[in-house]
Amino acid sequence: MKKMMKRIMLAGLACVAGAAILTGCGGGASGGASGGEKQFLNIATGGTSGTYYPLGGALAELLNNNIKGMNASAQATGAAVANINMLKDGSVDLAFVQNDIAYYAENGTEMFKDNKVDTIRGIAALYPETIQFVTTADTGITSVSQLKGKRVAVGASGSGSEANARQILAAYGITYDDIEPQYLSFGEAVDALKDGNVDAGVVVAGFPTAAIQDLSANKSAVVLDIDAATAAKLKEQYPYYNAITIPAGTYPGQETDVNTICVKCILIGTDKLSDDMGGEIAKILYSNLDRMTAAHAVGKYITKDTALEGMSIKMNAGAEKYLKS
């Protein structure tokens, strides 16, 4: 009996000691960066055909190759909103999300109303996801301000794209009462534009966007300009927006630059991720950008100089320290 009690006490002491490095005795992602203990880290991405998934795979590979004892893996998910919820319930440790979705979660607004998630922490802001109001030349629409009375695909109900559409339309003095809103995903929106069933649609993605290129092959696609004054107004009201220019020639028939706004893809964790680990993840990521670019073309937009631009939530202290160094 005494020997059994001694073993229990020793096991308890070992667990307490280990808790300084890992979450509980079973291990986790909150550990130090170089202790060598076995650590498991799950990375939430998006669909396998999207941008997040290959980037997540590349990041997992980099962490496994550069942190002793690390076992990181990327998993396909339903993307941003689902990823926030997975972080909340602890089923993943890192996630790729849009900065506006993260902002809604931290502040308990939009799709996270009454479901606030204030435990998330930023690791780095990665690349722009451009908000593109798209129409076709045959509609005669040349400005967002002309969408009153039109059929507009605003995004799937409750999605980040739908919130973007509503906010931008409001900046032009347009509400859903002024249009015929169609709650379609951007893929569905492009199909509806091809068929003439809507007059305009909202696409939120890195450019050039394949769906818009596909539309251009069938009809003359037109991406509408968001003027500088409206962009500044939106940026002041919503901290996750930034101005961006789609260069002339990005799409077939696009002869001039198009000014619009963007949100950003950001990499986030939770307050359970240690500052040491957060700093190490950021360091490894930005020391191996060639691998991220090899994983997907958007990797060329990931730079340390822009890693804090558009960060819409509290930062992991270790990652912030590294990015400011």
C-alpha atoms as a PDB file:
ATOM      1  CA  MET A   1       0.000   0.000   0.000  1.00  0.00           C
ATOM      2  CA  LYS A   2       2.838   2.377   0.908  1.00  0.00           C
ATOM      3  CA  LYS A   3       4.606   1.598  -2.394  1.00  0.00           C
ATOM      4  CA  MET A   4       1.385   2.272  -4.327  1.00  0.00           C
ATOM      5  CA  MET A   5       0.862   5.612  -2.547  1.00  0.00           C
ATOM      6  CA  LYS A   6       4.477   6.559  -3.305  1.00  0.00           C
ATOM      7  CA  ARG A   7       3.972   5.807  -7.021  1.00  0.00           C
ATOM      8  CA  ILE A   8       0.765   7.900  -7.107  1.00  0.00           C
ATOM      9  CA  MET A   9       2.525  10.816  -5.397  1.00  0.00           C
ATOM     10  CA  LEU A  10       5.468  10.635  -7.812  1.00  0.00           C
ATOM     11  CA  ALA A  11       3.102  10.536 -10.797  1.00  0.00           C
ATOM     12  CA  GLY A  12       1.259  13.573  -9.432  1.00  0.00           C
ATOM     13  CA  LEU A  13       4.507  15.492  -9.001  1.00  0.00           C
ATOM     14  CA  ALA A  14       5.546  14.599 -12.534  1.00  0.00           C
ATOM     15  CA  CYS A  15       2.267  15.901 -13.896  1.00  0.00           C
ATOM     16  CA  VAL A  16       2.602  19.194 -11.981  1.00  0.00           C
ATOM     17  CA  ALA A  17       6.143  19.625 -13.274  1.00  0.00           C
ATOM     18  CA  GLY A  18       5.080  18.825 -16.815  1.00  0.00           C
ATOM     19  CA  ALA A  19       2.211  21.320 -16.662  1.00  0.00           C
ATOM     20  CA  ALA A  20       4.770  24.115 -16.726  1.00  0.00           C
ATOM     21  CA  ILE A  21       5.585  22.975 -20.268  1.00  0.00           C
ATOM     22  CA  LEU A  22       2.513  21.162 -21.587  1.00  0.00           C
ATOM     23  CA  THR A  23      -1.210  21.294 -20.942  1.00  0.00           C
ATOM     24  CA  GLY A  24      -1.782  18.378 -18.588  1.00  0.00           C
ATOM     25  CA  CYS A  25       0.228  15.178 -18.509  1.00  0.00           C
ATOM     26  CA  GLY A  26      -1.058  14.068 -21.891  1.00  0.00           C
ATOM     27  CA  GLY A  27       0.802  16.759 -23.825  1.00  0.00           C
ATOM     28  CA  GLY A  28      -0.572  19.525 -26.011  1.00  0.00           C
ATOM     29  CA  ALA A  29       0.307  22.548 -28.082  1.00  0.00           C
ATOM     30  CA  SER A  30       1.001  24.967 -25.270  1.00  0.00           C
ATOM     31  CA  GLY A  31       4.522  23.752 -24.707  1.00  0.00           C
ATOM     32  CA  GLY A  32       7.861  25.475 -24.997  1.00  0.00           C
ATOM     33  CA  ALA A  33       9.521  25.548 -28.376  1.00  0.00           C
ATOM     34  CA  SER A  34      12.643  23.536 -27.757  1.00  0.00           C
ATOM     35  CA  GLY A  35      12.085  21.210 -24.816  1.00  0.00           C
ATOM     36  CA  GLY A  36      11.936  18.115 -27.012  1.00  0.00           C
ATOM     37  CA  GLU A  37       8.784  16.699 -25.376  1.00  0.00           C
ATOM     38  CA  LYS A  38       6.321  15.025 -27.718  1.00  0.00           C
ATOM     39  CA  GLN A  39       3.829  17.690 -28.761  1.00  0.00           C
ATOM     40  CA  PHE A  40       0.743  17.386 -30.931  1.00  0.00           C
ATOM     41  CA  LEU A  41      -0.551  20.407 -32.783  1.00  0.00           C
ATOM     42  CA  ASN A  42      -3.642  20.358 -34.991  1.00  0.00           C
ATOM     43  CA  ILE A  43      -4.018  23.051 -37.664  1.00  0.00           C
ATOM     44  CA  ALA A  44      -7.496  23.867 -39.010  1.00  0.00           C
ATOM     45  CA  THR A  45      -7.503  24.974 -42.641  1.00  0.00           C
ATOM     46  CA  GLY A  46     -10.421  24.835 -45.111  1.00  0.00           C
ATOM     47  CA  GLY A  47     -11.579  22.690 -48.008  1.00  0.00           C
ATOM     48  CA  THR A  48      -8.985  20.609 -49.827  1.00  0.00           C
ATOM     49  CA  SER A  49      -9.465  22.625 -53.029  1.00  0.00           C
ATOM     50  CA  GLY A  50      -8.992  25.985 -51.308  1.00  0.00           C
ATOM     51  CA  THR A  51      -6.006  28.116 -50.317  1.00  0.00           C
ATOM     52  CA  TYR A  52      -5.854  27.411 -46.589  1.00  0.00           C
ATOM     53  CA  TYR A  53      -5.343  23.654 -46.935  1.00  0.00           C
ATOM     54  CA  PRO A  54      -2.019  23.628 -48.838  1.00  0.00           C
ATOM     55  CA  LEU A  55      -0.686  26.461 -46.668  1.00  0.00           C
ATOM     56  CA  GLY A  56      -1.621  24.522 -43.545  1.00  0.00           C
ATOM     57  CA  GLY A  57       0.138  21.434 -44.860  1.00  0.00           C
ATOM     58  CA  ALA A  58       3.281  23.428 -45.564  1.00  0.00           C
ATOM     59  CA  LEU A  59       3.205  24.999 -42.091  1.00  0.00           C
ATOM     60  CA  ALA A  60       2.766  21.594 -40.425  1.00  0.00           C
ATOM     61  CA  GLU A  61       5.755  20.278 -42.384  1.00  0.00           C
ATOM     62  CA  LEU A  62       7.893  23.254 -41.313  1.00  0.00           C
ATOM     63  CA  LEU A  63       6.979  22.855 -37.643  1.00  0.00           C
ATOM     64  CA  ASN A  64       7.704  19.125 -37.721  1.00  0.00           C
ATOM     65  CA  ASN A  65      11.082  19.750 -39.341  1.00  0.00           C
ATOM     66  CA  ASN A  66      12.118  22.545 -36.988  1.00  0.00           C
ATOM     67  CA  ILE A  67      10.719  21.737 -33.535  1.00  0.00           C
ATOM     68  CA  LYS A  68      12.053  18.658 -31.776  1.00  0.00           C
ATOM     69  CA  GLY A  69       9.258  16.301 -30.752  1.00  0.00           C
ATOM     70  CA  MET A  70       6.610  18.163 -32.767  1.00  0.00           C
ATOM     71  CA  ASN A  71       3.806  16.240 -34.443  1.00  0.00           C
ATOM     72  CA  ALA A  72       1.809  18.890 -36.331  1.00  0.00           C
ATOM     73  CA  SER A  73      -0.904  18.044 -38.831  1.00  0.00           C
ATOM     74  CA  ALA A  74      -3.242  20.068 -41.053  1.00  0.00           C
ATOM     75  CA  GLN A  75      -6.858  19.047 -41.373  1.00  0.00           C
ATOM     76  CA  ALA A  76      -9.530  20.009 -43.892  1.00  0.00           C
ATOM     77  CA  THR A  77     -12.442  21.935 -42.332  1.00  0.00           C
ATOM     78  CA  GLY A  78     -15.397  24.134 -43.193  1.00  0.00           C
ATOM     79  CA  ALA A  79     -13.065  27.185 -43.049  1.00  0.00           C
ATOM     80  CA  ALA A  80     -13.191  30.381 -40.991  1.00  0.00           C
ATOM     81  CA  VAL A  81     -16.341  30.186 -38.826  1.00  0.00           C
ATOM     82  CA  ALA A  82     -15.956  26.452 -38.252  1.00  0.00           C
ATOM     83  CA  ASN A  83     -12.284  26.977 -37.403  1.00  0.00           C
ATOM     84  CA  ILE A  84     -13.108  29.500 -34.686  1.00  0.00           C
ATOM     85  CA  ASN A  85     -15.536  27.055 -33.104  1.00  0.00           C
ATOM     86  CA  MET A  86     -12.926  24.273 -33.259  1.00  0.00           C
ATOM     87  CA  LEU A  87     -10.425  26.513 -31.493  1.00  0.00           C
ATOM     88  CA  LYS A  88     -13.057  27.271 -28.874  1.00  0.00           C
ATOM     89  CA  ASP A  89     -13.764  23.600 -28.134  1.00  0.00           C
ATOM     90  CA  GLY A  90     -10.064  22.700 -28.161  1.00  0.00           C
ATOM     91  CA  SER A  91     -10.173  20.256 -31.072  1.00  0.00           C
ATOM     92  CA  VAL A  92      -7.530  22.299 -32.929  1.00  0.00           C
ATOM     93  CA  ASP A  93      -4.634  24.462 -31.781  1.00  0.00           C
ATOM     94  CA  LEU A  94      -4.034  26.762 -34.758  1.00  0.00           C
ATOM     95  CA  ALA A  95      -6.327  27.936 -37.525  1.00  0.00           C
ATOM     96  CA  PHE A  96      -6.404  29.945 -40.725  1.00  0.00           C
ATOM     97  CA  VAL A  97      -9.287  32.446 -40.655  1.00  0.00           C
ATOM     98  CA  GLN A  98     -10.271  35.813 -42.104  1.00  0.00           C
ATOM     99  CA  ASN A  99      -9.490  38.757 -39.849  1.00  0.00           C
ATOM    100  CA  ASP A 100     -13.091  39.998 -39.949  1.00  0.00           C
ATOM    101  CA  ILE A 101     -14.407  36.624 -38.748  1.00  0.00           C
ATOM    102  CA  ALA A 102     -11.852  36.654 -35.913  1.00  0.00           C
ATOM    103  CA  TYR A 103     -12.954  40.194 -35.005  1.00  0.00           C
ATOM    104  CA  TYR A 104     -16.604  39.145 -34.862  1.00  0.00           C
ATOM    105  CA  ALA A 105     -15.695  36.193 -32.636  1.00  0.00           C
ATOM    106  CA  GLU A 106     -13.601  38.212 -30.201  1.00  0.00           C
ATOM    107  CA  ASN A 107     -16.266  40.923 -29.948  1.00  0.00           C
ATOM    108  CA  GLY A 108     -19.366  38.720 -30.051  1.00  0.00           C
ATOM    109  CA  THR A 109     -20.917  40.307 -33.151  1.00  0.00           C
ATOM    110  CA  GLU A 110     -22.410  39.166 -36.493  1.00  0.00           C
ATOM    111  CA  MET A 111     -22.471  35.339 -36.656  1.00  0.00           C
ATOM    112  CA  PHE A 112     -20.889  35.203 -33.166  1.00  0.00           C
ATOM    113  CA  LYS A 113     -23.574  37.288 -31.486  1.00  0.00           C
ATOM    114  CA  ASP A 114     -24.301  35.633 -28.110  1.00  0.00           C
ATOM    115  CA  ASN A 115     -21.377  33.264 -28.797  1.00  0.00           C
ATOM    116  CA  LYS A 116     -18.332  35.400 -27.982  1.00  0.00           C
ATOM    117  CA  VAL A 117     -14.926  33.719 -28.289  1.00  0.00           C
ATOM    118  CA  ASP A 118     -12.415  35.968 -26.526  1.00  0.00           C
ATOM    119  CA  THR A 119      -9.725  33.314 -26.019  1.00  0.00           C
ATOM    120  CA  ILE A 120      -8.321  33.538 -29.565  1.00  0.00           C
ATOM    121  CA  ARG A 121      -4.900  35.107 -30.151  1.00  0.00           C
ATOM    122  CA  GLY A 122      -3.193  36.266 -33.325  1.00  0.00           C
ATOM    123  CA  ILE A 123       0.030  34.734 -34.632  1.00  0.00           C
ATOM    124  CA  ALA A 124       0.411  36.582 -37.957  1.00  0.00           C
ATOM    125  CA  ALA A 125      -1.523  38.348 -40.715  1.00  0.00           C
ATOM    126  CA  LEU A 126      -0.707  36.546 -43.952  1.00  0.00           C
ATOM    127  CA  TYR A 127      -2.198  37.691 -47.255  1.00  0.00           C
ATOM    128  CA  PRO A 128      -5.139  39.762 -48.577  1.00  0.00           C
ATOM    129  CA  GLU A 129      -8.500  38.272 -49.452  1.00  0.00           C
ATOM    130  CA  THR A 130      -9.994  40.835 -51.787  1.00  0.00           C
ATOM    131  CA  ILE A 131     -13.667  41.828 -51.745  1.00  0.00           C
ATOM    132  CA  GLN A 132     -14.770  41.951 -55.364  1.00  0.00           C
ATOM    133  CA  PHE A 133     -18.178  43.260 -56.427  1.00  0.00           C
ATOM    134  CA  VAL A 134     -18.571  41.588 -59.801  1.00  0.00           C
ATOM    135  CA  THR A 135     -21.013  42.226 -62.614  1.00  0.00           C
ATOM    136  CA  THR A 136     -21.005  41.785 -66.397  1.00  0.00           C
ATOM    137  CA  ALA A 137     -20.659  44.401 -69.105  1.00  0.00           C
ATOM    138  CA  ASP A 138     -24.176  43.831 -70.408  1.00  0.00           C
ATOM    139  CA  THR A 139     -25.754  45.091 -67.153  1.00  0.00           C
ATOM    140  CA  GLY A 140     -24.354  48.583 -67.682  1.00  0.00           C
ATOM    141  CA  ILE A 141     -23.437  48.772 -63.971  1.00  0.00           C
ATOM    142  CA  THR A 142     -20.176  50.648 -63.383  1.00  0.00           C
ATOM    143  CA  SER A 143     -20.393  51.518 -59.664  1.00  0.00           C
ATOM    144  CA  VAL A 144     -21.558  49.968 -56.390  1.00  0.00           C
ATOM    145  CA  SER A 145     -23.762  53.048 -55.999  1.00  0.00           C
ATOM    146  CA  GLN A 146     -25.815  51.836 -58.982  1.00  0.00           C
ATOM    147  CA  LEU A 147     -26.923  48.592 -57.311  1.00  0.00           C
ATOM    148  CA  LYS A 148     -30.200  49.994 -55.948  1.00  0.00           C
ATOM    149  CA  GLY A 149     -33.070  48.024 -57.388  1.00  0.00           C
ATOM    150  CA  LYS A 150     -30.735  45.281 -58.632  1.00  0.00           C
ATOM    151  CA  ARG A 151     -30.510  41.565 -57.901  1.00  0.00           C
ATOM    152  CA  VAL A 152     -27.334  41.162 -55.860  1.00  0.00           C
ATOM    153  CA  ALA A 153     -25.782  37.875 -54.704  1.00  0.00           C
ATOM    154  CA  VAL A 154     -24.563  38.969 -51.275  1.00  0.00           C
ATOM    155  CA  GLY A 155     -23.040  35.702 -50.052  1.00  0.00           C
ATOM    156  CA  ALA A 156     -24.372  32.703 -48.166  1.00  0.00           C
ATOM    157  CA  SER A 157     -26.619  33.620 -45.250  1.00  0.00           C
ATOM    158  CA  GLY A 158     -24.586  34.246 -42.103  1.00  0.00           C
ATOM    159  CA  SER A 159     -21.268  34.128 -43.929  1.00  0.00           C
ATOM    160  CA  GLY A 160     -18.372  36.556 -43.701  1.00  0.00           C
ATOM    161  CA  SER A 161     -18.916  37.521 -47.340  1.00  0.00           C
ATOM    162  CA  GLU A 162     -22.518  38.452 -46.596  1.00  0.00           C
ATOM    163  CA  ALA A 163     -21.409  40.689 -43.728  1.00  0.00           C
ATOM    164  CA  ASN A 164     -18.823  42.335 -46.027  1.00  0.00           C
ATOM    165  CA  ALA A 165     -21.486  42.961 -48.678  1.00  0.00           C
ATOM    166  CA  ARG A 166     -23.923  44.470 -46.166  1.00  0.00           C
ATOM    167  CA  GLN A 167     -21.288  46.774 -44.668  1.00  0.00           C
ATOM    168  CA  ILE A 168     -19.999  48.014 -48.029  1.00  0.00           C
ATOM    169  CA  LEU A 169     -23.497  48.591 -49.419  1.00  0.00           C
ATOM    170  CA  ALA A 170     -24.344  50.572 -46.273  1.00  0.00           C
ATOM    171  CA  ALA A 171     -21.304  52.785 -46.865  1.00  0.00           C
ATOM    172  CA  TYR A 172     -22.953  53.698 -50.181  1.00  0.00           C
ATOM    173  CA  GLY A 173     -26.293  54.338 -48.467  1.00  0.00           C
ATOM    174  CA  ILE A 174     -27.814  51.075 -49.721  1.00  0.00           C
ATOM    175  CA  THR A 175     -29.697  48.601 -47.502  1.00  0.00           C
ATOM    176  CA  TYR A 176     -31.170  45.214 -48.340  1.00  0.00           C
ATOM    177  CA  ASP A 177     -34.529  46.975 -48.683  1.00  0.00           C
ATOM    178  CA  ASP A 178     -33.053  48.786 -51.701  1.00  0.00           C
ATOM    179  CA  ILE A 179     -31.950  45.630 -53.547  1.00  0.00           C
ATOM    180  CA  GLU A 180     -33.117  42.083 -54.181  1.00  0.00           C
ATOM    181  CA  PRO A 181     -30.601  40.162 -52.060  1.00  0.00           C
ATOM    182  CA  GLN A 182     -29.741  36.643 -53.168  1.00  0.00           C
ATOM    183  CA  TYR A 183     -28.012  34.525 -50.514  1.00  0.00           C
ATOM    184  CA  LEU A 184     -25.590  32.632 -52.714  1.00  0.00           C
ATOM    185  CA  SER A 185     -22.007  31.459 -52.222  1.00  0.00           C
ATOM    186  CA  PHE A 186     -19.546  33.095 -54.593  1.00  0.00           C
ATOM    187  CA  GLY A 187     -19.449  30.018 -56.810  1.00  0.00           C
ATOM    188  CA  GLU A 188     -23.242  30.085 -57.057  1.00  0.00           C
ATOM    189  CA  ALA A 189     -23.125  33.847 -57.627  1.00  0.00           C
ATOM    190  CA  VAL A 190     -20.833  33.459 -60.622  1.00  0.00           C
ATOM    191  CA  ASP A 191     -23.093  30.768 -62.085  1.00  0.00           C
ATOM    192  CA  ALA A 192     -26.085  33.089 -61.608  1.00  0.00           C
ATOM    193  CA  LEU A 193     -24.192  35.900 -63.355  1.00  0.00           C
ATOM    194  CA  LYS A 194     -23.469  33.593 -66.287  1.00  0.00           C
ATOM    195  CA  ASP A 195     -27.162  32.749 -66.552  1.00  0.00           C
ATOM    196  CA  GLY A 196     -28.318  36.342 -66.089  1.00  0.00           C
ATOM    197  CA  ASN A 197     -30.206  35.494 -62.896  1.00  0.00           C
ATOM    198  CA  VAL A 198     -28.440  38.195 -60.847  1.00  0.00           C
ATOM    199  CA  ASP A 199     -27.019  41.580 -61.762  1.00  0.00           C
ATOM    200  CA  ALA A 200     -24.016  41.545 -59.438  1.00  0.00           C
ATOM    201  CA  GLY A 201     -22.340  39.307 -56.892  1.00  0.00           C
ATOM    202  CA  VAL A 202     -19.758  39.478 -54.126  1.00  0.00           C
ATOM    203  CA  VAL A 203     -16.621  37.339 -54.309  1.00  0.00           C
ATOM    204  CA  VAL A 204     -14.132  37.352 -51.409  1.00  0.00           C
ATOM    205  CA  ALA A 205     -10.865  35.656 -52.373  1.00  0.00           C
ATOM    206  CA  GLY A 206      -7.295  36.285 -53.410  1.00  0.00           C
ATOM    207  CA  PHE A 207      -6.947  37.565 -56.958  1.00  0.00           C
ATOM    208  CA  PRO A 208      -6.917  36.490 -59.678  1.00  0.00           C
ATOM    209  CA  THR A 209      -9.950  34.473 -58.586  1.00  0.00           C
ATOM    210  CA  ALA A 210     -10.609  31.390 -60.705  1.00  0.00           C
ATOM    211  CA  ALA A 211     -14.380  31.878 -60.545  1.00  0.00           C
ATOM    212  CA  ILE A 212     -14.097  35.389 -62.013  1.00  0.00           C
ATOM    213  CA  GLN A 213     -11.662  34.182 -64.657  1.00  0.00           C
ATOM    214  CA  ASP A 214     -14.211  31.512 -65.536  1.00  0.00           C
ATOM    215  CA  LEU A 215     -16.935  34.169 -65.774  1.00  0.00           C
ATOM    216  CA  SER A 216     -14.696  36.226 -68.066  1.00  0.00           C
ATOM    217  CA  ALA A 217     -14.389  33.255 -70.394  1.00  0.00           C
ATOM    218  CA  ASN A 218     -18.183  33.177 -70.777  1.00  0.00           C
ATOM    219  CA  LYS A 219     -19.106  36.847 -70.472  1.00  0.00           C
ATOM    220  CA  SER A 220     -17.273  40.131 -70.071  1.00  0.00           C
ATOM    221  CA  ALA A 221     -16.719  40.303 -66.303  1.00  0.00           C
ATOM    222  CA  VAL A 222     -16.492  43.700 -64.613  1.00  0.00           C
ATOM    223  CA  VAL A 223     -15.105  44.219 -61.084  1.00  0.00           C
ATOM    224  CA  LEU A 224     -16.555  47.396 -59.588  1.00  0.00           C
ATOM    225  CA  ASP A 225     -14.361  50.101 -58.086  1.00  0.00           C
ATOM    226  CA  ILE A 226     -14.698  51.123 -54.422  1.00  0.00           C
ATOM    227  CA  ASP A 227     -13.554  54.721 -54.293  1.00  0.00           C
ATOM    228  CA  ALA A 228     -10.863  55.925 -51.878  1.00  0.00           C
ATOM    229  CA  ALA A 229     -13.244  57.985 -49.726  1.00  0.00           C
ATOM    230  CA  THR A 230     -15.585  55.032 -49.177  1.00  0.00           C
ATOM    231  CA  ALA A 231     -12.641  52.729 -48.492  1.00  0.00           C
ATOM    232  CA  ALA A 232     -11.324  55.164 -45.856  1.00  0.00           C
ATOM    233  CA  LYS A 233     -14.793  55.399 -44.299  1.00  0.00           C
ATOM    234  CA  LEU A 234     -15.034  51.622 -44.060  1.00  0.00           C
ATOM    235  CA  LYS A 235     -11.519  51.325 -42.632  1.00  0.00           C
ATOM    236  CA  GLU A 236     -12.384  53.844 -39.923  1.00  0.00           C
ATOM    237  CA  GLN A 237     -15.552  52.002 -38.998  1.00  0.00           C
ATOM    238  CA  TYR A 238     -14.226  48.449 -39.311  1.00  0.00           C
ATOM    239  CA  PRO A 239     -10.562  47.883 -38.337  1.00  0.00           C
ATOM    240  CA  TYR A 240     -10.213  44.703 -40.375  1.00  0.00           C
ATOM    241  CA  TYR A 241     -10.522  46.404 -43.779  1.00  0.00           C
ATOM    242  CA  ASN A 242      -7.618  47.649 -45.888  1.00  0.00           C
ATOM    243  CA  ALA A 243      -7.520  49.312 -49.298  1.00  0.00           C
ATOM    244  CA  ILE A 244      -6.113  47.261 -52.165  1.00  0.00           C
ATOM    245  CA  THR A 245      -5.678  47.624 -55.917  1.00  0.00           C
ATOM    246  CA  ILE A 246      -6.367  44.896 -58.457  1.00  0.00           C
ATOM    247  CA  PRO A 247      -3.846  45.704 -61.223  1.00  0.00           C
ATOM    248  CA  ALA A 248      -4.966  46.207 -64.802  1.00  0.00           C
ATOM    249  CA  GLY A 249      -4.808  42.973 -66.765  1.00  0.00           C
ATOM    250  CA  THR A 250      -5.589  40.754 -63.777  1.00  0.00           C
ATOM    251  CA  TYR A 251      -8.737  39.609 -65.589  1.00  0.00           C
ATOM    252  CA  PRO A 252      -9.422  39.373 -69.329  1.00  0.00           C
ATOM    253  CA  GLY A 253     -10.644  42.722 -70.618  1.00  0.00           C
ATOM    254  CA  GLN A 254      -9.654  44.606 -67.440  1.00  0.00           C
ATOM    255  CA  GLU A 255      -7.856  47.607 -68.926  1.00  0.00           C
ATOM    256  CA  THR A 256      -7.478  49.751 -65.784  1.00  0.00           C
ATOM    257  CA  ASP A 257      -6.623  49.253 -62.119  1.00  0.00           C
ATOM    258  CA  VAL A 258      -9.586  48.528 -59.846  1.00  0.00           C
ATOM    259  CA  ASN A 259      -9.552  49.995 -56.347  1.00  0.00           C
ATOM    260  CA  THR A 260     -11.351  47.991 -53.703  1.00  0.00           C
ATOM    261  CA  ILE A 261     -10.866  46.763 -50.139  1.00  0.00           C
ATOM    262  CA  CYS A 262      -9.760  43.509 -48.591  1.00  0.00           C
ATOM    263  CA  VAL A 263      -9.809  41.486 -45.439  1.00  0.00           C
ATOM    264  CA  LYS A 264      -6.817  39.339 -44.522  1.00  0.00           C
ATOM    265  CA  CYS A 265      -6.159  35.689 -43.960  1.00  0.00           C
ATOM    266  CA  ILE A 266      -4.633  35.435 -40.498  1.00  0.00           C
ATOM    267  CA  LEU A 267      -3.090  32.586 -38.524  1.00  0.00           C
ATOM    268  CA  ILE A 268      -4.426  32.354 -34.981  1.00  0.00           C
ATOM    269  CA  GLY A 269      -4.306  30.196 -31.876  1.00  0.00           C
ATOM    270  CA  THR A 270      -5.781  30.525 -28.394  1.00  0.00           C
ATOM    271  CA  ASP A 271      -4.589  31.700 -24.999  1.00  0.00           C
ATOM    272  CA  LYS A 272      -3.583  28.077 -24.313  1.00  0.00           C
ATOM    273  CA  LEU A 273      -0.717  28.407 -26.792  1.00  0.00           C
ATOM    274  CA  SER A 274       2.372  29.518 -24.877  1.00  0.00           C
ATOM    275  CA  ASP A 275       4.215  32.713 -25.775  1.00  0.00           C
ATOM    276  CA  ASP A 276       7.359  30.671 -26.473  1.00  0.00           C
ATOM    277  CA  MET A 277       5.516  28.455 -28.922  1.00  0.00           C
ATOM    278  CA  GLY A 278       3.766  31.402 -30.558  1.00  0.00           C
ATOM    279  CA  GLY A 279       7.075  33.139 -31.129  1.00  0.00           C
ATOM    280  CA  GLU A 280       8.670  29.961 -32.497  1.00  0.00           C
ATOM    281  CA  ILE A 281       5.800  29.344 -34.930  1.00  0.00           C
ATOM    282  CA  ALA A 282       6.080  32.915 -36.251  1.00  0.00           C
ATOM    283  CA  LYS A 283       9.859  32.631 -36.566  1.00  0.00           C
ATOM    284  CA  ILE A 284       9.704  29.324 -38.438  1.00  0.00           C
ATOM    285  CA  LEU A 285       6.977  30.593 -40.755  1.00  0.00           C
ATOM    286  CA  TYR A 286       8.797  33.779 -41.758  1.00  0.00           C
ATOM    287  CA  SER A 287      12.162  32.064 -42.029  1.00  0.00           C
ATOM    288  CA  ASN A 288      10.773  29.647 -44.629  1.00  0.00           C
ATOM    289  CA  LEU A 289       8.571  31.731 -46.902  1.00  0.00           C
ATOM    290  CA  ASP A 290       9.867  29.914 -49.974  1.00  0.00           C
ATOM    291  CA  ARG A 291       8.050  26.799 -48.725  1.00  0.00           C
ATOM    292  CA  MET A 292       4.796  28.739 -48.297  1.00  0.00           C
ATOM    293  CA  THR A 293       5.103  30.166 -51.814  1.00  0.00           C
ATOM    294  CA  ALA A 294       5.737  26.683 -53.177  1.00  0.00           C
ATOM    295  CA  ALA A 295       2.538  25.501 -51.456  1.00  0.00           C
ATOM    296  CA  HIS A 296       0.340  28.180 -53.063  1.00  0.00           C
ATOM    297  CA  ALA A 297       0.817  31.295 -55.202  1.00  0.00           C
ATOM    298  CA  VAL A 298      -0.588  33.562 -52.458  1.00  0.00           C
ATOM    299  CA  GLY A 299       2.575  32.765 -50.498  1.00  0.00           C
ATOM    300  CA  LYS A 300       4.282  35.605 -52.372  1.00  0.00           C
ATOM    301  CA  TYR A 301       2.110  38.062 -50.434  1.00  0.00           C
ATOM    302  CA  ILE A 302       3.199  36.707 -47.037  1.00  0.00           C
ATOM    303  CA  THR A 303       5.930  38.987 -45.662  1.00  0.00           C
ATOM    304  CA  LYS A 304       7.165  39.828 -42.201  1.00  0.00           C
ATOM    305  CA  ASP A 305       6.804  43.539 -43.012  1.00  0.00           C
ATOM    306  CA  THR A 306       3.025  43.132 -43.369  1.00  0.00           C
ATOM    307  CA  ALA A 307       2.524  40.503 -40.675  1.00  0.00           C
ATOM    308  CA  LEU A 308       0.773  42.888 -38.287  1.00  0.00           C
ATOM    309  CA  GLU A 309      -1.291  44.769 -40.887  1.00  0.00           C
ATOM    310  CA  GLY A 310      -4.956  43.957 -40.469  1.00  0.00           C
ATOM    311  CA  MET A 311      -4.466  41.958 -37.271  1.00  0.00           C
ATOM    312  CA  SER A 312      -7.894  42.405 -35.695  1.00  0.00           C
ATOM    313  CA  ILE A 313      -7.558  40.541 -32.373  1.00  0.00           C
ATOM    314  CA  LYS A 314      -5.230  40.345 -29.391  1.00  0.00           C
ATOM    315  CA  MET A 315      -1.815  38.912 -30.251  1.00  0.00           C
ATOM    316  CA  ASN A 316       0.110  36.026 -28.785  1.00  0.00           C
ATOM    317  CA  ALA A 317       2.851  37.928 -26.938  1.00  0.00           C
ATOM    318  CA  GLY A 318       5.679  35.759 -28.256  1.00  0.00           C
ATOM    319  CA  ALA A 319       4.576  36.083 -31.879  1.00  0.00           C
ATOM    320  CA  GLU A 320       4.131  39.829 -31.487  1.00  0.00           C
ATOM    321  CA  LYS A 321       7.615  40.193 -29.987  1.00  0.00           C
ATOM    322  CA  TYR A 322       9.170  38.293 -32.881  1.00  0.00           C
ATOM    323  CA  LEU A 323       7.274  40.221 -35.543  1.00  0.00           C
ATOM    324  CA  LYS A 324       8.293  43.544 -34.024  1.00  0.00           C
ATOM    325  CA  SER A 325      11.969  42.516 -33.798  1.00  0.00           C
END
